[in-house]
Amino acid sequence: DFRWFALGNCIAILSSLATPEQASAIMDLIEARWDELVAEMPLKISYPALENHEWRLITGCDPKNTRWSYHNGGSWPVLLWLLTAACIKTGRPQIARRAIDLAESRLSKDVWPEYYDGKVGRYIGKQARKYQTWSIAGYLVAKMLLEDPSHLGMIALEEDKQMKPVIKRSASWTC
């Protein structure tokens, strides 16, 4: 049995909740199951889609969350930045490059939709809004991270080294 949750896996890597071995296994899984987890548009929010009794129980029969749509196996471009950050942290930028190349082939042409439907993310989501800032931001942050991996320090945590804060509090800030 296999269940994928993109946010949980990527955030576990970035926050160092996943051990290096677990992080590597997650990245191996993405590569091995690329056609299911990424396919034609990065990135499936969950996989596989819920069906039948499980769908009724968990989604409350929400019509937006039908199989391979929205939060039930839909593909969300905003997740591209999380995938890219996880790829960089685990030393696998080639996975991110491949995902970004896929996104670049469609996002602008499709007018930056919120999400994609279908088992492989082929269709613009039936209830997707266009010109979504988070889709644009997800793509831009992914590109920025790939072009300058040092930016990863702004969002990823390393338990074994001291991180210096990127943002400083103003002199007028008090407890």
N, C-alpha and C. Protein backbone atom coordinates (compact mmCIF):
# COMPACT_ATOMS: atom_id res chain seq x y z
N ASP A 1 0.86 -1.18 0.00
CA ASP A 1 0.00 0.00 0.00
C ASP A 1 0.90 1.24 0.00
N PHE A 2 0.45 2.26 -0.69
CA PHE A 2 1.27 3.45 -0.89
C PHE A 2 0.37 4.68 -0.86
N ARG A 3 0.74 5.67 -0.08
CA ARG A 3 0.02 6.94 -0.04
C ARG A 3 1.06 8.06 0.00
N TRP A 4 0.88 9.07 -0.86
CA TRP A 4 1.82 10.19 -0.99
C TRP A 4 1.13 11.48 -0.60
N PHE A 5 1.79 12.27 0.24
CA PHE A 5 1.33 13.61 0.58
C PHE A 5 2.51 14.56 0.36
N ALA A 6 2.43 15.36 -0.69
CA ALA A 6 3.55 16.21 -1.10
C ALA A 6 3.99 17.16 0.00
N LEU A 7 3.05 17.85 0.61
CA LEU A 7 3.42 18.83 1.63
C LEU A 7 4.16 18.18 2.79
N GLY A 8 3.63 17.09 3.30
CA GLY A 8 4.27 16.41 4.42
C GLY A 8 5.67 15.93 4.10
N ASN A 9 5.84 15.34 2.93
CA ASN A 9 7.15 14.82 2.55
C ASN A 9 8.17 15.94 2.35
N CYS A 10 7.79 16.97 1.62
CA CYS A 10 8.73 18.07 1.35
C CYS A 10 9.07 18.85 2.62
N ILE A 11 8.07 19.13 3.44
CA ILE A 11 8.33 19.88 4.67
C ILE A 11 9.14 19.04 5.65
N ALA A 12 8.93 17.74 5.68
CA ALA A 12 9.75 16.87 6.53
C ALA A 12 11.22 16.97 6.15
N ILE A 13 11.50 17.03 4.86
CA ILE A 13 12.88 17.18 4.40
C ILE A 13 13.43 18.56 4.79
N LEU A 14 12.68 19.62 4.48
CA LEU A 14 13.17 20.98 4.73
C LEU A 14 13.36 21.29 6.20
N SER A 15 12.53 20.72 7.05
CA SER A 15 12.61 21.01 8.48
C SER A 15 13.55 20.06 9.22
N SER A 16 14.13 19.12 8.50
CA SER A 16 15.00 18.08 9.07
C SER A 16 14.25 17.13 9.99
N LEU A 17 12.93 17.07 9.87
CA LEU A 17 12.18 16.04 10.58
C LEU A 17 12.48 14.67 9.98
N ALA A 18 12.71 14.65 8.69
CA ALA A 18 13.14 13.41 8.03
C ALA A 18 14.64 13.25 8.24
N THR A 19 15.06 12.05 8.57
CA THR A 19 16.49 11.78 8.67
C THR A 19 17.09 11.86 7.27
N PRO A 20 18.40 11.98 7.15
CA PRO A 20 19.00 11.97 5.81
C PRO A 20 18.61 10.72 5.01
N GLU A 21 18.52 9.58 5.67
CA GLU A 21 18.12 8.35 4.98
C GLU A 21 16.68 8.44 4.50
N GLN A 22 15.79 8.96 5.34
CA GLN A 22 14.39 9.11 4.95
C GLN A 22 14.25 10.13 3.83
N ALA A 23 14.98 11.23 3.91
CA ALA A 23 14.94 12.25 2.86
C ALA A 23 15.40 11.65 1.53
N SER A 24 16.45 10.87 1.58
CA SER A 24 16.94 10.21 0.36
C SER A 24 15.90 9.24 -0.19
N ALA A 25 15.24 8.51 0.70
CA ALA A 25 14.20 7.57 0.26
C ALA A 25 13.02 8.30 -0.38
N ILE A 26 12.67 9.47 0.15
CA ILE A 26 11.58 10.26 -0.44
C ILE A 26 11.97 10.70 -1.85
N MET A 27 13.20 11.15 -2.01
CA MET A 27 13.65 11.58 -3.34
C MET A 27 13.74 10.39 -4.30
N ASP A 28 14.19 9.24 -3.80
CA ASP A 28 14.20 8.03 -4.63
C ASP A 28 12.79 7.69 -5.09
N LEU A 29 11.83 7.85 -4.19
CA LEU A 29 10.43 7.57 -4.51
C LEU A 29 9.92 8.50 -5.60
N ILE A 30 10.25 9.78 -5.50
CA ILE A 30 9.82 10.74 -6.53
C ILE A 30 10.39 10.33 -7.88
N GLU A 31 11.65 9.97 -7.92
CA GLU A 31 12.26 9.55 -9.19
C GLU A 31 11.63 8.27 -9.71
N ALA A 32 11.44 7.30 -8.83
CA ALA A 32 10.91 6.00 -9.25
C ALA A 32 9.45 6.09 -9.69
N ARG A 33 8.69 6.99 -9.07
CA ARG A 33 7.26 7.09 -9.37
C ARG A 33 6.92 8.43 -10.03
N TRP A 34 7.85 8.95 -10.81
CA TRP A 34 7.71 10.23 -11.49
C TRP A 34 6.41 10.31 -12.28
N ASP A 35 6.09 9.29 -13.03
CA ASP A 35 4.90 9.32 -13.88
C ASP A 35 3.61 9.41 -13.08
N GLU A 36 3.64 9.06 -11.81
CA GLU A 36 2.46 9.15 -10.96
C GLU A 36 2.46 10.41 -10.11
N LEU A 37 3.60 10.81 -9.61
CA LEU A 37 3.67 11.94 -8.67
C LEU A 37 3.87 13.28 -9.34
N VAL A 38 4.49 13.28 -10.51
CA VAL A 38 4.75 14.52 -11.24
C VAL A 38 4.01 14.50 -12.57
N ALA A 39 4.27 13.50 -13.37
CA ALA A 39 3.61 13.31 -14.67
C ALA A 39 3.76 14.53 -15.56
N GLU A 40 2.63 15.14 -15.98
CA GLU A 40 2.68 16.24 -16.93
C GLU A 40 2.70 17.62 -16.29
N MET A 41 2.46 17.70 -14.97
CA MET A 41 2.51 18.99 -14.27
C MET A 41 2.85 18.75 -12.80
N PRO A 42 3.94 19.34 -12.33
CA PRO A 42 4.28 19.19 -10.92
C PRO A 42 3.27 19.93 -10.03
N LEU A 43 2.89 19.47 -9.00
CA LEU A 43 3.19 18.25 -8.29
C LEU A 43 1.89 17.74 -7.70
N LYS A 44 1.68 16.44 -7.71
CA LYS A 44 0.48 15.87 -7.09
C LYS A 44 0.48 16.21 -5.60
N ILE A 45 -0.64 16.75 -5.13
CA ILE A 45 -0.74 17.07 -3.71
C ILE A 45 -0.87 15.80 -2.89
N SER A 46 -1.54 14.80 -3.46
CA SER A 46 -1.68 13.50 -2.81
C SER A 46 -1.80 12.44 -3.90
N TYR A 47 -1.48 11.20 -3.52
CA TYR A 47 -1.55 10.10 -4.47
C TYR A 47 -1.66 8.80 -3.67
N PRO A 48 -2.46 7.87 -4.07
CA PRO A 48 -3.46 7.94 -5.13
C PRO A 48 -4.70 8.69 -4.66
N ALA A 49 -5.57 8.97 -5.59
CA ALA A 49 -6.81 9.66 -5.26
C ALA A 49 -7.70 8.76 -4.40
N LEU A 50 -8.44 9.38 -3.50
CA LEU A 50 -9.40 8.65 -2.68
C LEU A 50 -10.61 8.29 -3.53
N GLU A 51 -11.19 7.13 -3.27
CA GLU A 51 -12.36 6.69 -4.01
C GLU A 51 -13.39 6.08 -3.07
N ASN A 52 -14.60 5.95 -3.58
CA ASN A 52 -15.69 5.21 -2.94
C ASN A 52 -15.88 5.59 -1.47
N HIS A 53 -15.91 4.60 -0.58
CA HIS A 53 -16.18 4.84 0.83
C HIS A 53 -15.14 5.77 1.46
N GLU A 54 -13.88 5.56 1.12
CA GLU A 54 -12.80 6.40 1.65
C GLU A 54 -13.02 7.87 1.25
N TRP A 55 -13.41 8.11 0.00
CA TRP A 55 -13.68 9.46 -0.48
C TRP A 55 -14.86 10.08 0.26
N ARG A 56 -15.94 9.31 0.41
CA ARG A 56 -17.13 9.82 1.11
C ARG A 56 -16.79 10.16 2.56
N LEU A 57 -16.06 9.29 3.21
CA LEU A 57 -15.73 9.46 4.61
C LEU A 57 -14.80 10.65 4.84
N ILE A 58 -13.75 10.75 4.06
CA ILE A 58 -12.73 11.78 4.29
C ILE A 58 -13.11 13.14 3.73
N THR A 59 -13.73 13.18 2.55
CA THR A 59 -14.05 14.48 1.94
C THR A 59 -15.48 14.92 2.22
N GLY A 60 -16.29 14.06 2.79
CA GLY A 60 -17.69 14.40 2.98
C GLY A 60 -18.42 14.56 1.67
N CYS A 61 -17.99 13.82 0.66
CA CYS A 61 -18.58 13.85 -0.69
C CYS A 61 -18.41 15.21 -1.37
N ASP A 62 -17.39 15.94 -1.00
CA ASP A 62 -17.14 17.26 -1.59
C ASP A 62 -16.94 17.12 -3.10
N PRO A 63 -17.80 17.76 -3.90
CA PRO A 63 -17.69 17.61 -5.36
C PRO A 63 -16.41 18.19 -5.95
N LYS A 64 -15.76 19.12 -5.27
CA LYS A 64 -14.47 19.63 -5.76
C LYS A 64 -13.40 18.56 -5.68
N ASN A 65 -13.54 17.68 -4.72
CA ASN A 65 -12.51 16.68 -4.45
C ASN A 65 -12.81 15.32 -5.05
N THR A 66 -13.41 15.33 -6.24
CA THR A 66 -13.60 14.06 -6.93
C THR A 66 -12.23 13.49 -7.29
N ARG A 67 -12.23 12.26 -7.71
CA ARG A 67 -10.97 11.56 -8.01
C ARG A 67 -10.13 12.35 -9.01
N TRP A 68 -8.85 12.52 -8.69
CA TRP A 68 -7.83 13.20 -9.50
C TRP A 68 -8.14 14.68 -9.71
N SER A 69 -8.75 15.31 -8.71
CA SER A 69 -9.06 16.73 -8.80
C SER A 69 -8.79 17.42 -7.47
N TYR A 70 -8.49 18.68 -7.55
CA TYR A 70 -8.34 19.58 -6.41
C TYR A 70 -7.45 18.95 -5.34
N HIS A 71 -7.95 18.76 -4.11
CA HIS A 71 -7.12 18.19 -3.04
C HIS A 71 -7.11 16.67 -3.04
N ASN A 72 -7.71 16.06 -4.03
CA ASN A 72 -7.79 14.59 -4.11
C ASN A 72 -7.01 14.08 -5.32
N GLY A 73 -5.73 14.35 -5.32
CA GLY A 73 -4.88 13.89 -6.42
C GLY A 73 -4.67 14.92 -7.50
N GLY A 74 -5.10 16.16 -7.27
CA GLY A 74 -4.84 17.22 -8.23
C GLY A 74 -3.36 17.61 -8.21
N SER A 75 -2.93 18.26 -9.27
CA SER A 75 -1.54 18.73 -9.38
C SER A 75 -1.51 20.23 -9.13
N TRP A 76 -0.66 20.66 -8.21
CA TRP A 76 -0.61 22.05 -7.77
C TRP A 76 0.74 22.67 -8.09
N PRO A 77 0.80 23.60 -9.05
CA PRO A 77 2.07 24.25 -9.40
C PRO A 77 2.73 24.98 -8.23
N VAL A 78 1.97 25.46 -7.27
CA VAL A 78 2.56 26.15 -6.12
C VAL A 78 3.55 25.25 -5.39
N LEU A 79 3.36 23.94 -5.46
CA LEU A 79 4.24 23.00 -4.76
C LEU A 79 5.61 22.87 -5.40
N LEU A 80 5.79 23.48 -6.56
CA LEU A 80 7.06 23.39 -7.27
C LEU A 80 8.22 23.93 -6.43
N TRP A 81 7.99 25.00 -5.68
CA TRP A 81 9.07 25.56 -4.87
C TRP A 81 9.46 24.61 -3.75
N LEU A 82 8.48 23.93 -3.14
CA LEU A 82 8.80 22.98 -2.07
C LEU A 82 9.58 21.79 -2.61
N LEU A 83 9.16 21.30 -3.76
CA LEU A 83 9.88 20.20 -4.39
C LEU A 83 11.31 20.62 -4.70
N THR A 84 11.47 21.80 -5.27
CA THR A 84 12.80 22.30 -5.63
C THR A 84 13.68 22.44 -4.39
N ALA A 85 13.13 22.99 -3.33
CA ALA A 85 13.90 23.15 -2.09
C ALA A 85 14.33 21.79 -1.54
N ALA A 86 13.42 20.82 -1.56
CA ALA A 86 13.75 19.48 -1.08
C ALA A 86 14.82 18.84 -1.96
N CYS A 87 14.72 19.06 -3.26
CA CYS A 87 15.72 18.52 -4.19
C CYS A 87 17.10 19.10 -3.91
N ILE A 88 17.15 20.40 -3.69
CA ILE A 88 18.44 21.05 -3.42
C ILE A 88 19.01 20.57 -2.09
N LYS A 89 18.17 20.51 -1.08
CA LYS A 89 18.65 20.08 0.24
C LYS A 89 19.21 18.66 0.20
N THR A 90 18.64 17.81 -0.63
CA THR A 90 19.11 16.43 -0.71
C THR A 90 20.16 16.21 -1.80
N GLY A 91 20.59 17.31 -2.44
CA GLY A 91 21.63 17.20 -3.45
C GLY A 91 21.16 16.62 -4.77
N ARG A 92 19.89 16.83 -5.10
CA ARG A 92 19.35 16.30 -6.35
C ARG A 92 18.69 17.39 -7.19
N PRO A 93 19.44 18.42 -7.55
CA PRO A 93 18.85 19.52 -8.32
C PRO A 93 18.33 19.09 -9.69
N GLN A 94 18.83 18.00 -10.23
CA GLN A 94 18.37 17.54 -11.55
C GLN A 94 16.88 17.17 -11.52
N ILE A 95 16.38 16.71 -10.38
CA ILE A 95 14.95 16.41 -10.27
C ILE A 95 14.16 17.71 -10.37
N ALA A 96 14.63 18.74 -9.67
CA ALA A 96 13.96 20.04 -9.71
C ALA A 96 13.99 20.62 -11.12
N ARG A 97 15.13 20.53 -11.79
CA ARG A 97 15.25 21.06 -13.16
C ARG A 97 14.23 20.39 -14.07
N ARG A 98 14.09 19.09 -13.95
CA ARG A 98 13.13 18.35 -14.78
C ARG A 98 11.69 18.83 -14.51
N ALA A 99 11.36 19.03 -13.24
CA ALA A 99 10.01 19.49 -12.88
C ALA A 99 9.78 20.92 -13.36
N ILE A 100 10.77 21.78 -13.21
CA ILE A 100 10.65 23.17 -13.66
C ILE A 100 10.48 23.21 -15.18
N ASP A 101 11.22 22.39 -15.90
CA ASP A 101 11.07 22.33 -17.36
C ASP A 101 9.64 21.96 -17.75
N LEU A 102 9.06 21.02 -17.05
CA LEU A 102 7.66 20.65 -17.32
C LEU A 102 6.73 21.84 -17.08
N ALA A 103 6.91 22.48 -15.94
CA ALA A 103 6.06 23.62 -15.59
C ALA A 103 6.21 24.74 -16.61
N GLU A 104 7.43 25.02 -17.02
CA GLU A 104 7.67 26.10 -17.98
C GLU A 104 6.99 25.84 -19.31
N SER A 105 6.82 24.60 -19.66
CA SER A 105 6.20 24.28 -20.95
C SER A 105 4.71 24.59 -20.97
N ARG A 106 4.10 24.83 -19.79
CA ARG A 106 2.65 25.01 -19.78
C ARG A 106 2.11 26.17 -18.96
N LEU A 107 2.72 26.49 -17.85
CA LEU A 107 2.10 27.44 -16.91
C LEU A 107 1.72 28.77 -17.54
N SER A 108 2.64 29.41 -18.21
CA SER A 108 2.35 30.70 -18.82
C SER A 108 1.28 30.57 -19.89
N LYS A 109 1.42 29.57 -20.73
CA LYS A 109 0.46 29.33 -21.80
C LYS A 109 -0.95 29.05 -21.25
N ASP A 110 -1.01 28.36 -20.11
CA ASP A 110 -2.30 28.03 -19.48
C ASP A 110 -2.80 29.15 -18.56
N VAL A 111 -2.11 30.26 -18.51
CA VAL A 111 -2.45 31.47 -17.75
C VAL A 111 -2.42 31.22 -16.24
N TRP A 112 -1.38 30.52 -15.78
CA TRP A 112 -1.08 30.35 -14.37
C TRP A 112 -2.26 29.84 -13.54
N PRO A 113 -2.80 28.68 -13.88
CA PRO A 113 -3.95 28.17 -13.12
C PRO A 113 -3.56 27.71 -11.71
N GLU A 114 -4.58 27.65 -10.88
CA GLU A 114 -4.42 27.24 -9.48
C GLU A 114 -3.99 25.77 -9.38
N TYR A 115 -4.63 24.91 -10.15
CA TYR A 115 -4.32 23.48 -10.09
C TYR A 115 -4.72 22.82 -11.40
N TYR A 116 -4.26 21.58 -11.56
CA TYR A 116 -4.58 20.77 -12.74
C TYR A 116 -5.29 19.50 -12.30
N ASP A 117 -6.19 19.02 -13.14
CA ASP A 117 -6.93 17.78 -12.90
C ASP A 117 -6.36 16.65 -13.74
N GLY A 118 -6.79 15.46 -13.41
CA GLY A 118 -6.44 14.28 -14.19
C GLY A 118 -5.32 13.49 -13.55
N LYS A 119 -5.30 12.23 -13.85
CA LYS A 119 -4.32 11.33 -13.24
C LYS A 119 -2.89 11.77 -13.52
N VAL A 120 -2.66 12.42 -14.65
CA VAL A 120 -1.32 12.89 -14.98
C VAL A 120 -1.22 14.42 -15.02
N GLY A 121 -2.24 15.13 -14.54
CA GLY A 121 -2.20 16.59 -14.51
C GLY A 121 -2.31 17.22 -15.88
N ARG A 122 -3.04 16.59 -16.76
CA ARG A 122 -3.14 17.05 -18.14
C ARG A 122 -4.09 18.24 -18.31
N TYR A 123 -5.14 18.30 -17.49
CA TYR A 123 -6.20 19.29 -17.71
C TYR A 123 -6.16 20.39 -16.66
N ILE A 124 -6.41 21.62 -17.09
CA ILE A 124 -6.56 22.72 -16.14
C ILE A 124 -7.75 22.37 -15.26
N GLY A 125 -7.60 22.54 -13.95
CA GLY A 125 -8.65 22.18 -13.00
C GLY A 125 -10.00 22.75 -13.37
N LYS A 126 -11.03 21.93 -13.25
CA LYS A 126 -12.37 22.36 -13.68
C LYS A 126 -12.89 23.56 -12.89
N GLN A 127 -12.39 23.75 -11.66
CA GLN A 127 -12.78 24.93 -10.89
C GLN A 127 -11.57 25.83 -10.60
N ALA A 128 -10.51 25.63 -11.34
CA ALA A 128 -9.28 26.40 -11.11
C ALA A 128 -9.46 27.85 -11.55
N ARG A 129 -8.95 28.74 -10.73
CA ARG A 129 -8.90 30.14 -11.10
C ARG A 129 -7.58 30.37 -11.83
N LYS A 130 -7.57 31.36 -12.70
CA LYS A 130 -6.35 31.66 -13.46
C LYS A 130 -5.65 32.86 -12.84
N TYR A 131 -4.44 33.13 -13.33
CA TYR A 131 -3.59 34.21 -12.82
C TYR A 131 -3.41 34.10 -11.30
N GLN A 132 -3.13 32.91 -10.84
CA GLN A 132 -2.97 32.67 -9.40
C GLN A 132 -1.57 33.07 -8.95
N THR A 133 -1.52 34.02 -8.04
CA THR A 133 -0.25 34.52 -7.54
C THR A 133 0.59 33.40 -6.94
N TRP A 134 -0.04 32.47 -6.25
CA TRP A 134 0.75 31.40 -5.63
C TRP A 134 1.34 30.46 -6.65
N SER A 135 0.68 30.27 -7.78
CA SER A 135 1.27 29.45 -8.84
C SER A 135 2.48 30.16 -9.44
N ILE A 136 2.34 31.47 -9.65
CA ILE A 136 3.45 32.26 -10.18
C ILE A 136 4.60 32.27 -9.17
N ALA A 137 4.27 32.52 -7.90
CA ALA A 137 5.30 32.58 -6.86
C ALA A 137 6.00 31.24 -6.70
N GLY A 138 5.26 30.15 -6.74
CA GLY A 138 5.87 28.82 -6.62
C GLY A 138 6.90 28.58 -7.71
N TYR A 139 6.57 28.99 -8.92
CA TYR A 139 7.50 28.86 -10.05
C TYR A 139 8.72 29.76 -9.86
N LEU A 140 8.48 31.03 -9.51
CA LEU A 140 9.59 31.98 -9.36
C LEU A 140 10.55 31.59 -8.23
N VAL A 141 10.00 31.15 -7.11
CA VAL A 141 10.87 30.73 -6.00
C VAL A 141 11.66 29.48 -6.40
N ALA A 142 11.02 28.56 -7.12
CA ALA A 142 11.74 27.37 -7.60
C ALA A 142 12.91 27.77 -8.48
N LYS A 143 12.67 28.69 -9.41
CA LYS A 143 13.74 29.17 -10.30
C LYS A 143 14.86 29.84 -9.50
N MET A 144 14.47 30.68 -8.53
CA MET A 144 15.45 31.38 -7.71
C MET A 144 16.31 30.39 -6.92
N LEU A 145 15.68 29.38 -6.33
CA LEU A 145 16.42 28.39 -5.56
C LEU A 145 17.37 27.59 -6.43
N LEU A 146 16.93 27.26 -7.62
CA LEU A 146 17.79 26.48 -8.52
C LEU A 146 18.97 27.31 -9.01
N GLU A 147 18.72 28.60 -9.27
CA GLU A 147 19.79 29.48 -9.75
C GLU A 147 20.79 29.84 -8.66
N ASP A 148 20.32 29.94 -7.41
CA ASP A 148 21.21 30.26 -6.30
C ASP A 148 20.80 29.42 -5.08
N PRO A 149 21.33 28.21 -4.98
CA PRO A 149 20.95 27.31 -3.89
C PRO A 149 21.23 27.85 -2.49
N SER A 150 22.06 28.89 -2.37
CA SER A 150 22.32 29.45 -1.04
C SER A 150 21.06 30.04 -0.42
N HIS A 151 20.07 30.37 -1.24
CA HIS A 151 18.80 30.89 -0.71
C HIS A 151 18.05 29.84 0.11
N LEU A 152 18.43 28.60 -0.02
CA LEU A 152 17.77 27.54 0.75
C LEU A 152 17.87 27.81 2.25
N GLY A 153 18.94 28.47 2.67
CA GLY A 153 19.12 28.79 4.08
C GLY A 153 18.01 29.64 4.67
N MET A 154 17.25 30.32 3.82
CA MET A 154 16.14 31.14 4.31
C MET A 154 14.95 30.30 4.74
N ILE A 155 14.85 29.07 4.22
CA ILE A 155 13.64 28.28 4.48
C ILE A 155 13.90 26.90 5.05
N ALA A 156 15.11 26.39 4.94
CA ALA A 156 15.40 25.04 5.43
C ALA A 156 16.15 25.11 6.75
N LEU A 157 15.93 24.12 7.57
CA LEU A 157 16.60 24.05 8.86
C LEU A 157 17.62 22.93 8.85
N GLU A 158 18.73 23.18 9.46
CA GLU A 158 19.77 22.16 9.62
C GLU A 158 19.99 21.99 11.12
N GLU A 159 19.76 20.81 11.63
CA GLU A 159 19.95 20.58 13.05
C GLU A 159 21.42 20.62 13.45
N ASP A 160 22.29 20.31 12.53
CA ASP A 160 23.69 20.16 12.89
C ASP A 160 24.53 21.40 12.67
N LYS A 161 23.92 22.51 12.29
CA LYS A 161 24.71 23.73 12.17
C LYS A 161 23.88 24.93 12.62
N GLN A 162 24.57 25.92 13.11
CA GLN A 162 23.91 27.11 13.61
C GLN A 162 23.46 27.98 12.44
N MET A 163 22.16 28.28 12.39
CA MET A 163 21.64 29.15 11.33
C MET A 163 21.58 30.57 11.88
N LYS A 164 22.00 31.52 11.09
CA LYS A 164 21.91 32.93 11.48
C LYS A 164 20.60 33.47 10.90
N PRO A 165 19.88 34.27 11.68
CA PRO A 165 18.63 34.81 11.16
C PRO A 165 18.88 35.70 9.95
N VAL A 166 18.03 35.57 8.96
CA VAL A 166 18.16 36.37 7.75
C VAL A 166 17.51 37.73 7.96
N ILE A 167 16.44 37.76 8.73
CA ILE A 167 15.71 39.00 8.99
C ILE A 167 16.05 39.47 10.40
N LYS A 168 16.45 40.70 10.52
CA LYS A 168 16.79 41.26 11.82
C LYS A 168 15.61 42.09 12.32
N ARG A 169 15.40 42.04 13.63
CA ARG A 169 14.35 42.85 14.23
C ARG A 169 14.79 44.30 14.28
N SER A 170 13.82 45.19 14.18
CA SER A 170 14.15 46.61 14.24
C SER A 170 14.57 46.98 15.67
N ALA A 171 15.28 48.08 15.80
CA ALA A 171 15.75 48.54 17.11
C ALA A 171 14.58 48.87 18.03
N SER A 172 13.43 49.20 17.46
CA SER A 172 12.28 49.59 18.28
C SER A 172 11.49 48.38 18.79
N TRP A 173 11.84 47.18 18.35
CA TRP A 173 11.10 46.00 18.76
C TRP A 173 11.43 45.65 20.20
N THR A 174 10.39 45.38 21.01
CA THR A 174 10.60 44.98 22.41
C THR A 174 9.67 43.83 22.75
N CYS A 175 10.04 43.10 23.79
CA CYS A 175 9.21 41.99 24.27
C CYS A 175 8.12 42.50 25.18
